[in-house]
Amino acid sequence: MATLQKELNYYMELPYKIEVTPVPEEEGGGYMAVLPEIGKEAIVGDGDTVEEACRNLREIQKELFSDYLQRNIKIPEPDSSESYSGKFVLRIPKILHKELDQMARQENVSLNLLVNHLLSQAAERIQLINEFSSDMAFHFNFLKNEIQALTFQVKNSSKRQGDSVKIDSLRSYGSDYIRAA
């Protein structure tokens, strides 16, 4: 149990990014806080103030992480923050360079702007696919664990019901069975 607490403390101290958004008045008002690195709405805290929403988020995060650790569900860690210059050198085939240059001319933009736009679109699509895949994997593992727990409960329940069925069937034969014995 001490190991689980140590692991829980480890995960609770990691620098997860928290996103806070206002909730429209027609939806109740206040604020909603989420941990996007865990999943868009896997862990949500709400409150009348930003501080209350974040405090509620941390409480739910602690409960959920504790549950995940007990069930051996993998908890994603936050991305490390490194600084980037915004520049890198890329070698591409000459024909691709020519095609990109022609596209940039047709769009009346610089080659740099065109490539930046294309890379941003591709990165966004990849991120959406990864988030969807991560969310699906998370939900799949959660459902798998729930099914295993239910299967265990059903097996134990059917064993108990099976015993009562045997006892009831003996009672239905009643005294004839007892007399024969």
N, C-alpha and C. Protein backbone atom coordinates (compact mmCIF):
# COMPACT_ATOMS: atom_id res chain seq x y z
N MET A 1 0.83 -1.20 0.00
CA MET A 1 0.00 0.00 0.00
C MET A 1 0.87 1.26 0.00
N ALA A 2 2.01 1.18 0.69
CA ALA A 2 2.92 2.33 0.72
C ALA A 2 3.46 2.63 -0.66
N THR A 3 3.68 1.57 -1.46
CA THR A 3 4.17 1.75 -2.82
C THR A 3 3.13 2.48 -3.67
N LEU A 4 1.84 2.12 -3.52
CA LEU A 4 0.79 2.81 -4.27
C LEU A 4 0.75 4.29 -3.89
N GLN A 5 0.89 4.59 -2.60
CA GLN A 5 0.88 5.98 -2.15
C GLN A 5 2.07 6.73 -2.71
N LYS A 6 3.22 6.06 -2.76
CA LYS A 6 4.42 6.68 -3.32
C LYS A 6 4.23 6.97 -4.80
N GLU A 7 3.64 6.00 -5.53
CA GLU A 7 3.37 6.21 -6.95
C GLU A 7 2.35 7.33 -7.15
N LEU A 8 1.31 7.35 -6.31
CA LEU A 8 0.29 8.40 -6.41
C LEU A 8 0.93 9.76 -6.20
N ASN A 9 1.79 9.88 -5.19
CA ASN A 9 2.47 11.15 -4.94
C ASN A 9 3.33 11.55 -6.13
N TYR A 10 3.99 10.56 -6.75
CA TYR A 10 4.82 10.84 -7.92
C TYR A 10 3.96 11.46 -9.03
N TYR A 11 2.84 10.82 -9.35
CA TYR A 11 1.99 11.31 -10.44
C TYR A 11 1.33 12.65 -10.08
N MET A 12 0.98 12.85 -8.83
CA MET A 12 0.33 14.10 -8.44
C MET A 12 1.30 15.28 -8.49
N GLU A 13 2.61 15.00 -8.38
CA GLU A 13 3.60 16.08 -8.40
C GLU A 13 4.10 16.40 -9.81
N LEU A 14 3.71 15.60 -10.81
CA LEU A 14 4.14 15.87 -12.18
C LEU A 14 3.48 17.15 -12.70
N PRO A 15 4.18 17.91 -13.55
CA PRO A 15 3.66 19.20 -14.02
C PRO A 15 2.68 19.07 -15.20
N TYR A 16 1.49 18.53 -14.92
CA TYR A 16 0.48 18.43 -15.97
C TYR A 16 -0.03 19.83 -16.31
N LYS A 17 -0.26 20.05 -17.60
CA LYS A 17 -0.81 21.33 -18.06
C LYS A 17 -2.31 21.34 -17.70
N ILE A 18 -2.76 22.43 -17.11
CA ILE A 18 -4.18 22.59 -16.76
C ILE A 18 -4.77 23.66 -17.66
N GLU A 19 -5.88 23.33 -18.32
CA GLU A 19 -6.59 24.31 -19.15
C GLU A 19 -7.88 24.69 -18.42
N VAL A 20 -8.09 25.98 -18.26
CA VAL A 20 -9.29 26.48 -17.59
C VAL A 20 -10.08 27.31 -18.59
N THR A 21 -11.36 27.01 -18.71
CA THR A 21 -12.22 27.77 -19.63
C THR A 21 -13.48 28.20 -18.89
N PRO A 22 -13.97 29.39 -19.22
CA PRO A 22 -15.24 29.82 -18.60
C PRO A 22 -16.41 29.01 -19.16
N VAL A 23 -17.37 28.74 -18.30
CA VAL A 23 -18.59 28.05 -18.71
C VAL A 23 -19.65 29.13 -18.96
N PRO A 24 -20.30 29.12 -20.13
CA PRO A 24 -21.31 30.15 -20.42
C PRO A 24 -22.42 30.15 -19.36
N GLU A 25 -22.96 31.32 -19.11
CA GLU A 25 -24.02 31.47 -18.11
C GLU A 25 -25.21 30.57 -18.39
N GLU A 26 -25.56 30.41 -19.67
CA GLU A 26 -26.71 29.56 -20.02
C GLU A 26 -26.46 28.09 -19.70
N GLU A 27 -25.18 27.72 -19.47
CA GLU A 27 -24.83 26.35 -19.09
C GLU A 27 -24.49 26.24 -17.61
N GLY A 28 -24.78 27.28 -16.86
CA GLY A 28 -24.55 27.24 -15.42
C GLY A 28 -23.49 28.19 -14.92
N GLY A 29 -22.65 28.71 -15.81
CA GLY A 29 -21.62 29.65 -15.41
C GLY A 29 -20.46 28.99 -14.68
N GLY A 30 -19.52 29.80 -14.24
CA GLY A 30 -18.36 29.30 -13.53
C GLY A 30 -17.23 28.96 -14.47
N TYR A 31 -16.40 28.00 -14.05
CA TYR A 31 -15.22 27.63 -14.82
C TYR A 31 -15.06 26.11 -14.86
N MET A 32 -14.41 25.63 -15.93
CA MET A 32 -14.13 24.21 -16.08
C MET A 32 -12.62 24.06 -16.26
N ALA A 33 -12.01 23.16 -15.48
CA ALA A 33 -10.57 22.89 -15.57
C ALA A 33 -10.37 21.45 -16.02
N VAL A 34 -9.45 21.25 -16.97
CA VAL A 34 -9.18 19.90 -17.49
C VAL A 34 -7.67 19.68 -17.60
N LEU A 35 -7.29 18.40 -17.66
CA LEU A 35 -5.90 18.00 -17.90
C LEU A 35 -5.84 17.42 -19.31
N PRO A 36 -5.53 18.23 -20.33
CA PRO A 36 -5.58 17.75 -21.71
C PRO A 36 -4.60 16.61 -22.01
N GLU A 37 -3.52 16.50 -21.23
CA GLU A 37 -2.56 15.43 -21.49
C GLU A 37 -3.09 14.06 -21.05
N ILE A 38 -4.13 14.05 -20.24
CA ILE A 38 -4.76 12.80 -19.81
C ILE A 38 -5.87 12.42 -20.79
N GLY A 39 -6.51 13.41 -21.36
CA GLY A 39 -7.62 13.22 -22.29
C GLY A 39 -8.49 14.46 -22.21
N LYS A 40 -9.10 14.84 -23.32
CA LYS A 40 -9.85 16.10 -23.37
C LYS A 40 -10.76 16.31 -22.17
N GLU A 41 -11.55 15.30 -21.84
CA GLU A 41 -12.46 15.45 -20.70
C GLU A 41 -12.41 14.23 -19.79
N ALA A 42 -11.23 13.60 -19.69
CA ALA A 42 -11.08 12.44 -18.82
C ALA A 42 -11.17 12.86 -17.36
N ILE A 43 -10.60 14.01 -17.03
CA ILE A 43 -10.64 14.54 -15.67
C ILE A 43 -11.09 15.99 -15.77
N VAL A 44 -12.22 16.30 -15.16
CA VAL A 44 -12.79 17.64 -15.23
C VAL A 44 -13.12 18.13 -13.83
N GLY A 45 -12.70 19.35 -13.53
CA GLY A 45 -13.08 20.01 -12.28
C GLY A 45 -13.83 21.27 -12.63
N ASP A 46 -14.86 21.58 -11.86
CA ASP A 46 -15.59 22.82 -12.12
C ASP A 46 -15.77 23.58 -10.82
N GLY A 47 -16.09 24.86 -10.97
CA GLY A 47 -16.29 25.70 -9.80
C GLY A 47 -16.70 27.10 -10.20
N ASP A 48 -17.12 27.86 -9.22
CA ASP A 48 -17.54 29.24 -9.47
C ASP A 48 -16.35 30.15 -9.78
N THR A 49 -15.16 29.78 -9.28
CA THR A 49 -13.95 30.55 -9.55
C THR A 49 -12.91 29.64 -10.20
N VAL A 50 -11.87 30.25 -10.77
CA VAL A 50 -10.78 29.48 -11.37
C VAL A 50 -10.12 28.62 -10.29
N GLU A 51 -9.90 29.20 -9.12
CA GLU A 51 -9.24 28.48 -8.03
C GLU A 51 -10.07 27.27 -7.59
N GLU A 52 -11.38 27.45 -7.48
CA GLU A 52 -12.25 26.34 -7.07
C GLU A 52 -12.26 25.24 -8.13
N ALA A 53 -12.30 25.61 -9.40
CA ALA A 53 -12.28 24.62 -10.48
C ALA A 53 -10.97 23.83 -10.44
N CYS A 54 -9.85 24.50 -10.22
CA CYS A 54 -8.54 23.82 -10.16
C CYS A 54 -8.45 22.94 -8.92
N ARG A 55 -8.95 23.41 -7.80
CA ARG A 55 -8.95 22.61 -6.56
C ARG A 55 -9.78 21.34 -6.74
N ASN A 56 -10.97 21.48 -7.35
CA ASN A 56 -11.82 20.31 -7.61
C ASN A 56 -11.16 19.36 -8.60
N LEU A 57 -10.49 19.92 -9.60
CA LEU A 57 -9.76 19.10 -10.57
C LEU A 57 -8.71 18.25 -9.87
N ARG A 58 -7.94 18.86 -8.98
CA ARG A 58 -6.88 18.13 -8.27
C ARG A 58 -7.46 17.01 -7.39
N GLU A 59 -8.61 17.27 -6.76
CA GLU A 59 -9.24 16.24 -5.93
C GLU A 59 -9.68 15.05 -6.79
N ILE A 60 -10.31 15.34 -7.93
CA ILE A 60 -10.76 14.29 -8.83
C ILE A 60 -9.56 13.56 -9.43
N GLN A 61 -8.52 14.31 -9.79
CA GLN A 61 -7.29 13.72 -10.33
C GLN A 61 -6.70 12.73 -9.33
N LYS A 62 -6.66 13.11 -8.07
CA LYS A 62 -6.08 12.23 -7.03
C LYS A 62 -6.91 10.95 -6.89
N GLU A 63 -8.22 11.08 -6.86
CA GLU A 63 -9.09 9.90 -6.74
C GLU A 63 -8.94 8.99 -7.95
N LEU A 64 -8.95 9.59 -9.14
CA LEU A 64 -8.87 8.80 -10.37
C LEU A 64 -7.50 8.14 -10.51
N PHE A 65 -6.43 8.87 -10.24
CA PHE A 65 -5.09 8.29 -10.33
C PHE A 65 -4.93 7.15 -9.33
N SER A 66 -5.46 7.30 -8.15
CA SER A 66 -5.42 6.24 -7.14
C SER A 66 -6.13 4.99 -7.66
N ASP A 67 -7.30 5.20 -8.25
CA ASP A 67 -8.05 4.09 -8.82
C ASP A 67 -7.27 3.43 -9.96
N TYR A 68 -6.66 4.25 -10.84
CA TYR A 68 -5.88 3.72 -11.96
C TYR A 68 -4.72 2.85 -11.44
N LEU A 69 -4.03 3.34 -10.42
CA LEU A 69 -2.89 2.60 -9.88
C LEU A 69 -3.35 1.27 -9.28
N GLN A 70 -4.46 1.28 -8.58
CA GLN A 70 -4.98 0.04 -7.98
C GLN A 70 -5.37 -0.96 -9.06
N ARG A 71 -5.84 -0.46 -10.20
CA ARG A 71 -6.29 -1.34 -11.29
C ARG A 71 -5.20 -1.59 -12.33
N ASN A 72 -4.01 -1.07 -12.08
CA ASN A 72 -2.88 -1.20 -13.01
C ASN A 72 -3.17 -0.59 -14.38
N ILE A 73 -3.89 0.52 -14.40
CA ILE A 73 -4.13 1.25 -15.64
C ILE A 73 -3.01 2.28 -15.80
N LYS A 74 -2.39 2.29 -16.96
CA LYS A 74 -1.27 3.20 -17.22
C LYS A 74 -1.73 4.65 -17.18
N ILE A 75 -0.99 5.49 -16.48
CA ILE A 75 -1.28 6.92 -16.39
C ILE A 75 -0.28 7.65 -17.28
N PRO A 76 -0.76 8.39 -18.30
CA PRO A 76 0.18 9.12 -19.16
C PRO A 76 0.88 10.24 -18.39
N GLU A 77 2.15 10.42 -18.68
CA GLU A 77 2.91 11.49 -18.03
C GLU A 77 2.91 12.72 -18.93
N PRO A 78 3.05 13.91 -18.32
CA PRO A 78 3.04 15.14 -19.14
C PRO A 78 4.28 15.22 -20.03
N ASP A 79 4.13 15.98 -21.10
CA ASP A 79 5.26 16.21 -22.01
C ASP A 79 6.28 17.10 -21.31
N SER A 80 7.56 16.80 -21.54
CA SER A 80 8.59 17.66 -20.97
C SER A 80 8.66 18.93 -21.81
N SER A 81 8.95 20.03 -21.16
CA SER A 81 9.00 21.29 -21.91
C SER A 81 10.45 21.63 -22.25
N GLU A 82 10.72 21.65 -23.54
CA GLU A 82 12.04 22.04 -24.03
C GLU A 82 11.85 23.31 -24.85
N SER A 83 12.91 24.09 -24.98
CA SER A 83 12.76 25.30 -25.79
C SER A 83 13.24 25.01 -27.21
N TYR A 84 12.56 25.60 -28.16
CA TYR A 84 12.87 25.40 -29.57
C TYR A 84 13.08 26.75 -30.24
N SER A 85 13.98 26.79 -31.21
CA SER A 85 14.29 28.05 -31.89
C SER A 85 13.26 28.40 -32.96
N GLY A 86 12.54 27.40 -33.47
CA GLY A 86 11.60 27.65 -34.54
C GLY A 86 12.24 27.47 -35.92
N LYS A 87 13.49 27.02 -35.92
CA LYS A 87 14.19 26.80 -37.18
C LYS A 87 14.78 25.39 -37.19
N PHE A 88 14.73 24.75 -38.36
CA PHE A 88 15.44 23.49 -38.55
C PHE A 88 15.69 23.32 -40.04
N VAL A 89 16.68 22.52 -40.35
CA VAL A 89 17.05 22.28 -41.75
C VAL A 89 16.41 20.98 -42.17
N LEU A 90 15.82 21.00 -43.35
CA LEU A 90 15.13 19.82 -43.87
C LEU A 90 15.62 19.54 -45.28
N ARG A 91 16.08 18.35 -45.51
CA ARG A 91 16.49 17.92 -46.86
C ARG A 91 15.33 17.17 -47.48
N ILE A 92 14.96 17.58 -48.70
CA ILE A 92 13.86 16.93 -49.41
C ILE A 92 14.30 16.66 -50.85
N PRO A 93 13.64 15.74 -51.52
CA PRO A 93 13.98 15.49 -52.93
C PRO A 93 13.73 16.74 -53.78
N LYS A 94 14.53 16.90 -54.83
CA LYS A 94 14.42 18.08 -55.70
C LYS A 94 13.03 18.21 -56.30
N ILE A 95 12.43 17.10 -56.68
CA ILE A 95 11.11 17.16 -57.31
C ILE A 95 10.06 17.68 -56.32
N LEU A 96 10.16 17.28 -55.06
CA LEU A 96 9.22 17.77 -54.04
C LEU A 96 9.45 19.27 -53.82
N HIS A 97 10.71 19.68 -53.78
CA HIS A 97 11.04 21.11 -53.64
C HIS A 97 10.38 21.91 -54.76
N LYS A 98 10.50 21.40 -55.99
CA LYS A 98 9.92 22.07 -57.16
C LYS A 98 8.39 22.16 -57.03
N GLU A 99 7.76 21.04 -56.66
CA GLU A 99 6.30 21.01 -56.52
C GLU A 99 5.81 21.97 -55.44
N LEU A 100 6.52 22.01 -54.31
CA LEU A 100 6.14 22.93 -53.22
C LEU A 100 6.31 24.38 -53.67
N ASP A 101 7.39 24.66 -54.39
CA ASP A 101 7.63 26.02 -54.88
C ASP A 101 6.51 26.43 -55.84
N GLN A 102 6.09 25.53 -56.73
CA GLN A 102 5.00 25.83 -57.66
C GLN A 102 3.69 26.07 -56.90
N MET A 103 3.42 25.26 -55.89
CA MET A 103 2.20 25.45 -55.08
C MET A 103 2.22 26.82 -54.40
N ALA A 104 3.39 27.20 -53.86
CA ALA A 104 3.52 28.49 -53.18
C ALA A 104 3.27 29.64 -54.15
N ARG A 105 3.79 29.53 -55.35
CA ARG A 105 3.58 30.57 -56.37
C ARG A 105 2.10 30.67 -56.74
N GLN A 106 1.43 29.50 -56.89
CA GLN A 106 0.00 29.50 -57.22
C GLN A 106 -0.82 30.16 -56.12
N GLU A 107 -0.41 29.93 -54.87
CA GLU A 107 -1.14 30.50 -53.74
C GLU A 107 -0.69 31.93 -53.41
N ASN A 108 0.35 32.38 -54.11
CA ASN A 108 0.90 33.72 -53.93
C ASN A 108 1.40 33.92 -52.48
N VAL A 109 2.09 32.90 -51.98
CA VAL A 109 2.69 32.97 -50.65
C VAL A 109 4.13 32.49 -50.77
N SER A 110 4.91 32.75 -49.73
CA SER A 110 6.30 32.29 -49.75
C SER A 110 6.34 30.77 -49.54
N LEU A 111 7.41 30.18 -49.99
CA LEU A 111 7.61 28.74 -49.81
C LEU A 111 7.62 28.40 -48.32
N ASN A 112 8.26 29.24 -47.53
CA ASN A 112 8.32 29.03 -46.09
C ASN A 112 6.93 29.02 -45.47
N LEU A 113 6.08 29.96 -45.86
CA LEU A 113 4.72 30.03 -45.32
C LEU A 113 3.90 28.81 -45.74
N LEU A 114 4.04 28.40 -47.00
CA LEU A 114 3.31 27.23 -47.48
C LEU A 114 3.71 25.97 -46.70
N VAL A 115 5.02 25.73 -46.57
CA VAL A 115 5.50 24.54 -45.85
C VAL A 115 5.07 24.61 -44.39
N ASN A 116 5.14 25.77 -43.79
CA ASN A 116 4.70 25.95 -42.41
C ASN A 116 3.22 25.58 -42.27
N HIS A 117 2.41 26.05 -43.20
CA HIS A 117 0.97 25.75 -43.19
C HIS A 117 0.73 24.24 -43.36
N LEU A 118 1.39 23.62 -44.32
CA LEU A 118 1.21 22.19 -44.57
C LEU A 118 1.66 21.35 -43.37
N LEU A 119 2.77 21.70 -42.76
CA LEU A 119 3.25 20.98 -41.59
C LEU A 119 2.30 21.16 -40.40
N SER A 120 1.78 22.36 -40.24
CA SER A 120 0.82 22.62 -39.15
C SER A 120 -0.43 21.78 -39.31
N GLN A 121 -0.95 21.72 -40.54
CA GLN A 121 -2.14 20.90 -40.80
C GLN A 121 -1.87 19.43 -40.52
N ALA A 122 -0.74 18.95 -40.99
CA ALA A 122 -0.39 17.54 -40.78
C ALA A 122 -0.21 17.24 -39.29
N ALA A 123 0.47 18.14 -38.57
CA ALA A 123 0.69 17.94 -37.14
C ALA A 123 -0.64 17.94 -36.38
N GLU A 124 -1.55 18.82 -36.77
CA GLU A 124 -2.86 18.87 -36.12
C GLU A 124 -3.63 17.59 -36.34
N ARG A 125 -3.60 17.09 -37.57
CA ARG A 125 -4.29 15.82 -37.87
C ARG A 125 -3.69 14.67 -37.09
N ILE A 126 -2.38 14.62 -37.02
CA ILE A 126 -1.70 13.55 -36.28
C ILE A 126 -2.06 13.65 -34.79
N GLN A 127 -2.07 14.88 -34.27
CA GLN A 127 -2.42 15.07 -32.85
C GLN A 127 -3.85 14.60 -32.58
N LEU A 128 -4.78 14.94 -33.46
CA LEU A 128 -6.17 14.50 -33.29
C LEU A 128 -6.27 12.98 -33.33
N ILE A 129 -5.57 12.37 -34.25
CA ILE A 129 -5.58 10.90 -34.36
C ILE A 129 -4.98 10.29 -33.09
N ASN A 130 -3.87 10.84 -32.62
CA ASN A 130 -3.24 10.32 -31.40
C ASN A 130 -4.12 10.50 -30.18
N GLU A 131 -4.76 11.66 -30.06
CA GLU A 131 -5.66 11.90 -28.93
C GLU A 131 -6.83 10.92 -28.98
N PHE A 132 -7.38 10.74 -30.17
CA PHE A 132 -8.50 9.80 -30.32
C PHE A 132 -8.03 8.39 -29.96
N SER A 133 -6.87 8.01 -30.47
CA SER A 133 -6.33 6.67 -30.18
C SER A 133 -6.06 6.51 -28.70
N SER A 134 -5.47 7.55 -28.09
CA SER A 134 -5.17 7.50 -26.66
C SER A 134 -6.45 7.41 -25.84
N ASP A 135 -7.45 8.22 -26.20
CA ASP A 135 -8.74 8.17 -25.50
C ASP A 135 -9.38 6.81 -25.67
N MET A 136 -9.31 6.26 -26.89
CA MET A 136 -9.91 4.95 -27.13
C MET A 136 -9.18 3.88 -26.34
N ALA A 137 -7.86 3.94 -26.29
CA ALA A 137 -7.08 2.96 -25.53
C ALA A 137 -7.40 3.07 -24.04
N PHE A 138 -7.51 4.31 -23.56
CA PHE A 138 -7.85 4.53 -22.16
C PHE A 138 -9.22 3.93 -21.85
N HIS A 139 -10.21 4.26 -22.68
CA HIS A 139 -11.56 3.76 -22.45
C HIS A 139 -11.63 2.24 -22.63
N PHE A 140 -10.87 1.72 -23.59
CA PHE A 140 -10.83 0.27 -23.79
C PHE A 140 -10.29 -0.42 -22.54
N ASN A 141 -9.17 0.09 -21.99
CA ASN A 141 -8.61 -0.51 -20.77
C ASN A 141 -9.57 -0.40 -19.61
N PHE A 142 -10.23 0.74 -19.50
CA PHE A 142 -11.20 0.92 -18.42
C PHE A 142 -12.33 -0.10 -18.56
N LEU A 143 -12.89 -0.22 -19.78
CA LEU A 143 -13.97 -1.17 -20.01
C LEU A 143 -13.51 -2.61 -19.79
N LYS A 144 -12.30 -2.93 -20.23
CA LYS A 144 -11.76 -4.27 -20.04
C LYS A 144 -11.70 -4.60 -18.55
N ASN A 145 -11.22 -3.65 -17.74
CA ASN A 145 -11.14 -3.88 -16.30
C ASN A 145 -12.52 -4.01 -15.68
N GLU A 146 -13.46 -3.20 -16.15
CA GLU A 146 -14.84 -3.30 -15.64
C GLU A 146 -15.45 -4.64 -15.99
N ILE A 147 -15.22 -5.12 -17.21
CA ILE A 147 -15.76 -6.41 -17.65
C ILE A 147 -15.14 -7.54 -16.82
N GLN A 148 -13.84 -7.44 -16.56
CA GLN A 148 -13.19 -8.45 -15.73
C GLN A 148 -13.78 -8.46 -14.33
N ALA A 149 -14.02 -7.27 -13.77
CA ALA A 149 -14.61 -7.20 -12.43
C ALA A 149 -16.02 -7.78 -12.44
N LEU A 150 -16.80 -7.46 -13.47
CA LEU A 150 -18.17 -8.01 -13.56
C LEU A 150 -18.15 -9.52 -13.77
N THR A 151 -17.21 -10.00 -14.58
CA THR A 151 -17.09 -11.44 -14.81
C THR A 151 -16.80 -12.15 -13.50
N PHE A 152 -15.90 -11.58 -12.72
CA PHE A 152 -15.57 -12.15 -11.41
C PHE A 152 -16.81 -12.18 -10.52
N GLN A 153 -17.57 -11.06 -10.50
CA GLN A 153 -18.78 -10.99 -9.68
C GLN A 153 -19.81 -12.02 -10.15
N VAL A 154 -19.98 -12.14 -11.46
CA VAL A 154 -20.95 -13.09 -11.99
C VAL A 154 -20.55 -14.52 -11.65
N LYS A 155 -19.25 -14.85 -11.81
CA LYS A 155 -18.78 -16.19 -11.47
C LYS A 155 -19.05 -16.51 -10.01
N ASN A 156 -18.71 -15.56 -9.13
CA ASN A 156 -18.94 -15.78 -7.71
C ASN A 156 -20.43 -15.87 -7.40
N SER A 157 -21.21 -15.04 -8.08
CA SER A 157 -22.66 -15.04 -7.87
C SER A 157 -23.26 -16.35 -8.35
N SER A 158 -22.80 -16.83 -9.53
CA SER A 158 -23.38 -18.06 -10.07
C SER A 158 -22.99 -19.25 -9.22
N LYS A 159 -21.80 -19.23 -8.62
CA LYS A 159 -21.42 -20.31 -7.71
C LYS A 159 -22.37 -20.35 -6.53
N ARG A 160 -22.67 -19.18 -5.97
CA ARG A 160 -23.60 -19.11 -4.83
C ARG A 160 -24.99 -19.53 -5.27
N GLN A 161 -25.42 -19.07 -6.46
CA GLN A 161 -26.75 -19.45 -6.95
C GLN A 161 -26.79 -20.94 -7.27
N GLY A 162 -25.68 -21.48 -7.80
CA GLY A 162 -25.62 -22.90 -8.10
C GLY A 162 -25.79 -23.73 -6.85
N ASP A 163 -25.18 -23.29 -5.75
CA ASP A 163 -25.34 -24.01 -4.49
C ASP A 163 -26.78 -23.99 -4.04
N SER A 164 -27.42 -22.81 -4.17
CA SER A 164 -28.81 -22.72 -3.73
C SER A 164 -29.72 -23.54 -4.64
N VAL A 165 -29.36 -23.64 -5.94
CA VAL A 165 -30.16 -24.45 -6.85
C VAL A 165 -30.07 -25.91 -6.43
N LYS A 166 -28.86 -26.38 -6.10
CA LYS A 166 -28.70 -27.76 -5.66
C LYS A 166 -29.49 -28.02 -4.39
N ILE A 167 -29.43 -27.07 -3.46
CA ILE A 167 -30.18 -27.23 -2.21
C ILE A 167 -31.66 -27.23 -2.50
N ASP A 168 -32.13 -26.30 -3.36
CA ASP A 168 -33.56 -26.25 -3.70
C ASP A 168 -33.99 -27.54 -4.39
N SER A 169 -33.14 -28.08 -5.29
CA SER A 169 -33.54 -29.31 -5.98
C SER A 169 -33.63 -30.46 -4.99
N LEU A 170 -32.76 -30.46 -3.97
CA LEU A 170 -32.87 -31.50 -2.94
C LEU A 170 -34.15 -31.32 -2.15
N ARG A 171 -34.52 -30.07 -1.87
CA ARG A 171 -35.76 -29.81 -1.13
C ARG A 171 -36.98 -30.23 -1.94
N SER A 172 -36.90 -30.06 -3.28
CA SER A 172 -38.05 -30.43 -4.10
C SER A 172 -38.28 -31.93 -4.06
N TYR A 173 -37.17 -32.69 -3.95
CA TYR A 173 -37.34 -34.13 -3.84
C TYR A 173 -37.70 -34.49 -2.41
N GLY A 174 -37.38 -33.56 -1.52
CA GLY A 174 -37.81 -33.60 -0.14
C GLY A 174 -37.53 -34.89 0.59
N SER A 175 -38.56 -35.36 1.23
CA SER A 175 -38.44 -36.47 2.16
C SER A 175 -38.08 -37.77 1.45
N ASP A 176 -38.46 -37.90 0.16
CA ASP A 176 -38.10 -39.13 -0.56
C ASP A 176 -36.58 -39.30 -0.59
N TYR A 177 -35.86 -38.22 -0.85
CA TYR A 177 -34.41 -38.27 -0.89
C TYR A 177 -33.84 -38.61 0.48
N ILE A 178 -34.39 -37.91 1.47
CA ILE A 178 -33.90 -38.11 2.84
C ILE A 178 -34.20 -39.55 3.28
N ARG A 179 -35.39 -40.05 2.99
CA ARG A 179 -35.73 -41.42 3.40
C ARG A 179 -34.83 -42.45 2.72
N ALA A 180 -34.54 -42.18 1.45
CA ALA A 180 -33.71 -43.12 0.71
C ALA A 180 -32.32 -43.18 1.29
N ALA A 181 -31.86 -42.08 1.81
CA ALA A 181 -30.52 -42.03 2.38
C ALA A 181 -30.55 -42.77 3.68
